[in-house]
Amino acid sequence: MANAIPIRGERSRGYAYKHRPNARQRGYSTTYEKARAIVLGRYPLCRVCESRGVVREAVETHHVVPVQADRTLADHVGNLLPVCQQCHDEVEGLSWNALRERYGLTNEYPVGG
């Protein structure tokens, strides 16, 4: 039964997810990795779960403004939201205004600020 326990970071997203290019191939730079480390260091818990009174480790950062929409914000700490795996899909496509309305979240590092 040990094989039934998922490996940390493993998701059940099917063939496309398992065979997609790695982070470097998808355009994530060392600057992004540094920004990600800053955000996860400042907020080690999932901010969406926290808004619900749940304590869960943030293992990912979500780009609020998608990289495809504005490449200049890909490495900006003000565009990253620390989330757990379960919440990452839930917040997909939500702006900071929508995140504030739905979960009461604010941007600690505003873009341009």
N, C-alpha and C. Protein backbone atom coordinates (compact mmCIF):
# COMPACT_ATOMS: atom_id res chain seq x y z
N MET A 1 0.80 -1.21 0.00
CA MET A 1 0.00 0.00 0.00
C MET A 1 0.84 1.27 0.00
N ALA A 2 2.14 1.14 0.22
CA ALA A 2 3.00 2.32 0.24
C ALA A 2 2.96 3.05 -1.09
N ASN A 3 2.71 2.35 -2.17
CA ASN A 3 2.64 2.99 -3.48
C ASN A 3 1.42 3.89 -3.62
N ALA A 4 0.44 3.74 -2.75
CA ALA A 4 -0.77 4.56 -2.83
C ALA A 4 -0.57 5.95 -2.26
N ILE A 5 0.51 6.17 -1.54
CA ILE A 5 0.78 7.49 -0.96
C ILE A 5 1.42 8.36 -2.03
N PRO A 6 0.79 9.53 -2.36
CA PRO A 6 1.36 10.37 -3.41
C PRO A 6 2.66 11.02 -2.95
N ILE A 7 3.57 11.18 -3.88
CA ILE A 7 4.83 11.86 -3.61
C ILE A 7 4.54 13.35 -3.52
N ARG A 8 5.22 14.06 -2.61
CA ARG A 8 5.00 15.50 -2.47
C ARG A 8 5.20 16.18 -3.82
N GLY A 9 4.25 17.01 -4.18
CA GLY A 9 4.33 17.72 -5.43
C GLY A 9 3.68 17.00 -6.60
N GLU A 10 3.35 15.71 -6.42
CA GLU A 10 2.72 14.95 -7.49
C GLU A 10 1.24 15.32 -7.56
N ARG A 11 0.75 15.51 -8.77
CA ARG A 11 -0.65 15.85 -8.95
C ARG A 11 -1.30 14.86 -9.90
N SER A 12 -2.57 14.77 -9.82
CA SER A 12 -3.29 13.88 -10.72
C SER A 12 -3.89 14.71 -11.86
N ARG A 13 -3.05 15.25 -12.71
CA ARG A 13 -3.52 16.08 -13.81
C ARG A 13 -3.37 15.40 -15.16
N GLY A 14 -2.98 14.16 -15.15
CA GLY A 14 -2.94 13.40 -16.38
C GLY A 14 -1.68 13.55 -17.20
N TYR A 15 -1.77 13.05 -18.41
CA TYR A 15 -0.61 12.94 -19.30
C TYR A 15 0.03 14.29 -19.60
N ALA A 16 -0.76 15.30 -19.92
CA ALA A 16 -0.21 16.60 -20.31
C ALA A 16 0.63 17.21 -19.19
N TYR A 17 0.16 17.09 -17.96
CA TYR A 17 0.91 17.66 -16.84
C TYR A 17 2.21 16.90 -16.61
N LYS A 18 2.17 15.60 -16.68
CA LYS A 18 3.36 14.78 -16.44
C LYS A 18 4.42 14.98 -17.51
N HIS A 19 4.01 15.36 -18.71
CA HIS A 19 4.95 15.46 -19.82
C HIS A 19 5.19 16.91 -20.26
N ARG A 20 4.80 17.87 -19.45
CA ARG A 20 5.03 19.25 -19.84
C ARG A 20 6.49 19.63 -19.59
N PRO A 21 6.98 20.68 -20.25
CA PRO A 21 8.37 21.11 -20.06
C PRO A 21 8.62 21.54 -18.61
N ASN A 22 9.88 21.49 -18.20
CA ASN A 22 10.20 21.90 -16.83
C ASN A 22 10.12 23.42 -16.69
N ALA A 23 10.30 23.92 -15.48
CA ALA A 23 10.14 25.35 -15.20
C ALA A 23 11.06 26.22 -16.06
N ARG A 24 12.30 25.84 -16.20
CA ARG A 24 13.24 26.62 -17.03
C ARG A 24 12.78 26.65 -18.49
N GLN A 25 12.32 25.52 -18.99
CA GLN A 25 11.85 25.45 -20.37
C GLN A 25 10.58 26.28 -20.58
N ARG A 26 9.80 26.46 -19.52
CA ARG A 26 8.56 27.26 -19.62
C ARG A 26 8.81 28.74 -19.38
N GLY A 27 10.08 29.14 -19.14
CA GLY A 27 10.40 30.56 -19.03
C GLY A 27 10.57 31.09 -17.62
N TYR A 28 10.56 30.25 -16.62
CA TYR A 28 10.77 30.71 -15.26
C TYR A 28 12.27 30.89 -15.02
N SER A 29 12.66 32.09 -14.61
CA SER A 29 14.08 32.43 -14.46
C SER A 29 14.54 32.29 -13.03
N THR A 30 15.84 32.51 -12.83
CA THR A 30 16.37 32.52 -11.47
C THR A 30 15.81 33.71 -10.70
N THR A 31 15.47 34.79 -11.41
CA THR A 31 14.86 35.95 -10.75
C THR A 31 13.50 35.55 -10.17
N TYR A 32 12.74 34.75 -10.92
CA TYR A 32 11.46 34.25 -10.41
C TYR A 32 11.70 33.38 -9.17
N GLU A 33 12.69 32.50 -9.23
CA GLU A 33 12.98 31.63 -8.10
C GLU A 33 13.30 32.45 -6.85
N LYS A 34 14.01 33.56 -7.02
CA LYS A 34 14.33 34.43 -5.88
C LYS A 34 13.06 35.10 -5.35
N ALA A 35 12.22 35.59 -6.25
CA ALA A 35 10.96 36.22 -5.84
C ALA A 35 10.08 35.21 -5.12
N ARG A 36 10.03 34.00 -5.63
CA ARG A 36 9.25 32.92 -5.02
C ARG A 36 9.76 32.63 -3.61
N ALA A 37 11.08 32.58 -3.45
CA ALA A 37 11.67 32.33 -2.13
C ALA A 37 11.33 33.45 -1.16
N ILE A 38 11.32 34.69 -1.62
CA ILE A 38 10.96 35.83 -0.76
C ILE A 38 9.52 35.68 -0.28
N VAL A 39 8.62 35.39 -1.21
CA VAL A 39 7.20 35.29 -0.88
C VAL A 39 6.94 34.11 0.07
N LEU A 40 7.51 32.95 -0.24
CA LEU A 40 7.28 31.78 0.63
C LEU A 40 7.99 31.94 1.97
N GLY A 41 9.08 32.70 2.02
CA GLY A 41 9.74 32.98 3.29
C GLY A 41 8.91 33.91 4.16
N ARG A 42 8.28 34.88 3.52
CA ARG A 42 7.44 35.85 4.26
C ARG A 42 6.11 35.23 4.67
N TYR A 43 5.54 34.41 3.80
CA TYR A 43 4.25 33.76 4.04
C TYR A 43 4.39 32.25 3.84
N PRO A 44 4.84 31.52 4.84
CA PRO A 44 5.03 30.07 4.68
C PRO A 44 3.72 29.28 4.66
N LEU A 45 2.61 29.93 4.97
CA LEU A 45 1.31 29.25 4.98
C LEU A 45 0.45 29.73 3.82
N CYS A 46 -0.43 28.85 3.37
CA CYS A 46 -1.35 29.19 2.28
C CYS A 46 -2.26 30.32 2.73
N ARG A 47 -2.26 31.41 1.99
CA ARG A 47 -3.07 32.57 2.39
C ARG A 47 -4.56 32.32 2.19
N VAL A 48 -4.93 31.49 1.23
CA VAL A 48 -6.34 31.17 1.02
C VAL A 48 -6.85 30.33 2.18
N CYS A 49 -6.10 29.31 2.56
CA CYS A 49 -6.49 28.48 3.71
C CYS A 49 -6.56 29.32 4.98
N GLU A 50 -5.59 30.19 5.17
CA GLU A 50 -5.59 31.06 6.36
C GLU A 50 -6.85 31.89 6.43
N SER A 51 -7.34 32.36 5.27
CA SER A 51 -8.55 33.18 5.26
C SER A 51 -9.76 32.39 5.75
N ARG A 52 -9.65 31.05 5.71
CA ARG A 52 -10.73 30.17 6.17
C ARG A 52 -10.49 29.63 7.57
N GLY A 53 -9.37 30.04 8.18
CA GLY A 53 -9.04 29.56 9.51
C GLY A 53 -8.35 28.21 9.50
N VAL A 54 -7.82 27.80 8.36
CA VAL A 54 -7.12 26.52 8.22
C VAL A 54 -5.63 26.79 8.09
N VAL A 55 -4.81 25.96 8.73
CA VAL A 55 -3.37 26.10 8.64
C VAL A 55 -2.83 25.02 7.71
N ARG A 56 -2.27 25.45 6.59
CA ARG A 56 -1.69 24.52 5.62
C ARG A 56 -0.48 25.20 4.98
N GLU A 57 0.58 24.42 4.78
CA GLU A 57 1.81 24.95 4.22
C GLU A 57 1.61 25.40 2.76
N ALA A 58 2.18 26.56 2.44
CA ALA A 58 2.19 27.03 1.05
C ALA A 58 3.39 26.38 0.37
N VAL A 59 3.14 25.64 -0.68
CA VAL A 59 4.22 24.96 -1.40
C VAL A 59 4.37 25.50 -2.82
N GLU A 60 3.49 26.40 -3.21
CA GLU A 60 3.52 26.97 -4.54
C GLU A 60 3.26 28.45 -4.47
N THR A 61 3.63 29.16 -5.53
CA THR A 61 3.23 30.55 -5.68
C THR A 61 2.40 30.66 -6.94
N HIS A 62 1.31 31.37 -6.84
CA HIS A 62 0.40 31.55 -7.96
C HIS A 62 0.61 32.94 -8.55
N HIS A 63 0.77 33.03 -9.87
CA HIS A 63 0.84 34.32 -10.56
C HIS A 63 -0.58 34.86 -10.68
N VAL A 64 -0.89 35.95 -9.96
CA VAL A 64 -2.23 36.53 -10.03
C VAL A 64 -2.48 37.06 -11.44
N VAL A 65 -1.56 37.86 -11.95
CA VAL A 65 -1.61 38.27 -13.36
C VAL A 65 -0.82 37.20 -14.11
N PRO A 66 -1.46 36.43 -14.99
CA PRO A 66 -0.76 35.34 -15.66
C PRO A 66 0.47 35.80 -16.43
N VAL A 67 1.47 34.96 -16.45
CA VAL A 67 2.72 35.26 -17.15
C VAL A 67 2.44 35.57 -18.61
N GLN A 68 1.51 34.84 -19.21
CA GLN A 68 1.19 35.06 -20.62
C GLN A 68 0.57 36.44 -20.84
N ALA A 69 -0.11 36.98 -19.84
CA ALA A 69 -0.77 38.28 -19.97
C ALA A 69 0.22 39.43 -19.83
N ASP A 70 1.19 39.29 -18.93
CA ASP A 70 2.17 40.35 -18.70
C ASP A 70 3.48 39.74 -18.22
N ARG A 71 4.38 39.51 -19.13
CA ARG A 71 5.67 38.87 -18.82
C ARG A 71 6.48 39.69 -17.82
N THR A 72 6.30 41.02 -17.80
CA THR A 72 7.08 41.86 -16.89
C THR A 72 6.74 41.60 -15.43
N LEU A 73 5.59 41.02 -15.16
CA LEU A 73 5.19 40.75 -13.77
C LEU A 73 5.54 39.33 -13.32
N ALA A 74 6.14 38.54 -14.20
CA ALA A 74 6.44 37.14 -13.88
C ALA A 74 7.37 37.01 -12.68
N ASP A 75 8.29 37.95 -12.52
CA ASP A 75 9.29 37.88 -11.46
C ASP A 75 9.03 38.87 -10.32
N HIS A 76 7.87 39.48 -10.30
CA HIS A 76 7.55 40.50 -9.30
C HIS A 76 6.87 39.87 -8.09
N VAL A 77 7.41 40.13 -6.89
CA VAL A 77 6.82 39.53 -5.68
C VAL A 77 5.38 39.98 -5.47
N GLY A 78 5.02 41.14 -6.01
CA GLY A 78 3.65 41.64 -5.87
C GLY A 78 2.64 40.91 -6.73
N ASN A 79 3.12 40.01 -7.57
CA ASN A 79 2.22 39.25 -8.43
C ASN A 79 2.13 37.79 -7.98
N LEU A 80 2.77 37.44 -6.88
CA LEU A 80 2.81 36.05 -6.43
C LEU A 80 2.00 35.87 -5.15
N LEU A 81 1.19 34.84 -5.13
CA LEU A 81 0.37 34.51 -3.97
C LEU A 81 0.78 33.14 -3.46
N PRO A 82 1.23 33.03 -2.20
CA PRO A 82 1.60 31.72 -1.66
C PRO A 82 0.36 30.87 -1.37
N VAL A 83 0.33 29.68 -1.98
CA VAL A 83 -0.83 28.80 -1.84
C VAL A 83 -0.40 27.35 -1.70
N CYS A 84 -1.30 26.54 -1.19
CA CYS A 84 -1.09 25.09 -1.17
C CYS A 84 -1.53 24.54 -2.52
N GLN A 85 -1.26 23.28 -2.75
CA GLN A 85 -1.65 22.67 -4.02
C GLN A 85 -3.16 22.68 -4.22
N GLN A 86 -3.91 22.42 -3.16
CA GLN A 86 -5.36 22.35 -3.27
C GLN A 86 -5.96 23.69 -3.68
N CYS A 87 -5.41 24.78 -3.17
CA CYS A 87 -5.97 26.10 -3.45
C CYS A 87 -5.47 26.71 -4.76
N HIS A 88 -4.37 26.19 -5.29
CA HIS A 88 -3.80 26.78 -6.50
C HIS A 88 -4.81 26.79 -7.65
N ASP A 89 -5.48 25.69 -7.88
CA ASP A 89 -6.47 25.65 -8.96
C ASP A 89 -7.69 26.52 -8.64
N GLU A 90 -8.03 26.62 -7.39
CA GLU A 90 -9.19 27.40 -6.97
C GLU A 90 -9.04 28.89 -7.27
N VAL A 91 -7.83 29.42 -7.15
CA VAL A 91 -7.62 30.85 -7.34
C VAL A 91 -7.24 31.21 -8.78
N GLU A 92 -7.14 30.21 -9.63
CA GLU A 92 -6.77 30.45 -11.03
C GLU A 92 -7.72 31.46 -11.67
N GLY A 93 -7.15 32.49 -12.27
CA GLY A 93 -7.94 33.49 -12.99
C GLY A 93 -8.51 34.60 -12.14
N LEU A 94 -8.27 34.58 -10.82
CA LEU A 94 -8.82 35.63 -9.97
C LEU A 94 -7.84 36.80 -9.85
N SER A 95 -8.34 38.01 -9.99
CA SER A 95 -7.53 39.22 -9.83
C SER A 95 -7.37 39.52 -8.34
N TRP A 96 -6.51 40.50 -8.03
CA TRP A 96 -6.38 40.89 -6.63
C TRP A 96 -7.71 41.40 -6.08
N ASN A 97 -8.49 42.11 -6.90
CA ASN A 97 -9.80 42.58 -6.44
C ASN A 97 -10.72 41.41 -6.11
N ALA A 98 -10.72 40.39 -6.96
CA ALA A 98 -11.55 39.22 -6.71
C ALA A 98 -11.06 38.45 -5.48
N LEU A 99 -9.73 38.36 -5.31
CA LEU A 99 -9.18 37.69 -4.13
C LEU A 99 -9.56 38.44 -2.85
N ARG A 100 -9.59 39.75 -2.92
CA ARG A 100 -9.98 40.55 -1.76
C ARG A 100 -11.45 40.33 -1.43
N GLU A 101 -12.30 40.33 -2.46
CA GLU A 101 -13.73 40.14 -2.25
C GLU A 101 -14.06 38.73 -1.74
N ARG A 102 -13.44 37.72 -2.33
CA ARG A 102 -13.76 36.34 -2.01
C ARG A 102 -13.12 35.86 -0.71
N TYR A 103 -11.83 36.24 -0.50
CA TYR A 103 -11.09 35.69 0.64
C TYR A 103 -10.57 36.75 1.61
N GLY A 104 -10.77 38.02 1.29
CA GLY A 104 -10.26 39.08 2.15
C GLY A 104 -8.75 39.27 2.04
N LEU A 105 -8.15 38.82 0.93
CA LEU A 105 -6.70 38.90 0.75
C LEU A 105 -6.30 40.24 0.15
N THR A 106 -5.20 40.78 0.63
CA THR A 106 -4.62 41.99 0.05
C THR A 106 -3.22 41.70 -0.42
N ASN A 107 -2.73 42.55 -1.29
CA ASN A 107 -1.39 42.39 -1.84
C ASN A 107 -0.38 43.10 -0.94
N GLU A 108 0.47 42.34 -0.30
CA GLU A 108 1.48 42.89 0.60
C GLU A 108 2.55 43.68 -0.15
N TYR A 109 2.81 43.29 -1.37
CA TYR A 109 3.84 43.94 -2.20
C TYR A 109 3.17 44.45 -3.49
N PRO A 110 2.46 45.58 -3.45
CA PRO A 110 1.75 46.03 -4.64
C PRO A 110 2.70 46.27 -5.82
N VAL A 111 2.23 45.92 -6.99
CA VAL A 111 3.00 46.15 -8.21
C VAL A 111 3.11 47.65 -8.39
N GLY A 112 4.33 48.11 -8.60
CA GLY A 112 4.57 49.54 -8.76
C GLY A 112 4.78 50.25 -7.43
N GLY A 113 4.68 49.50 -6.32
CA GLY A 113 4.82 50.12 -5.01
C GLY A 113 6.03 49.66 -4.27
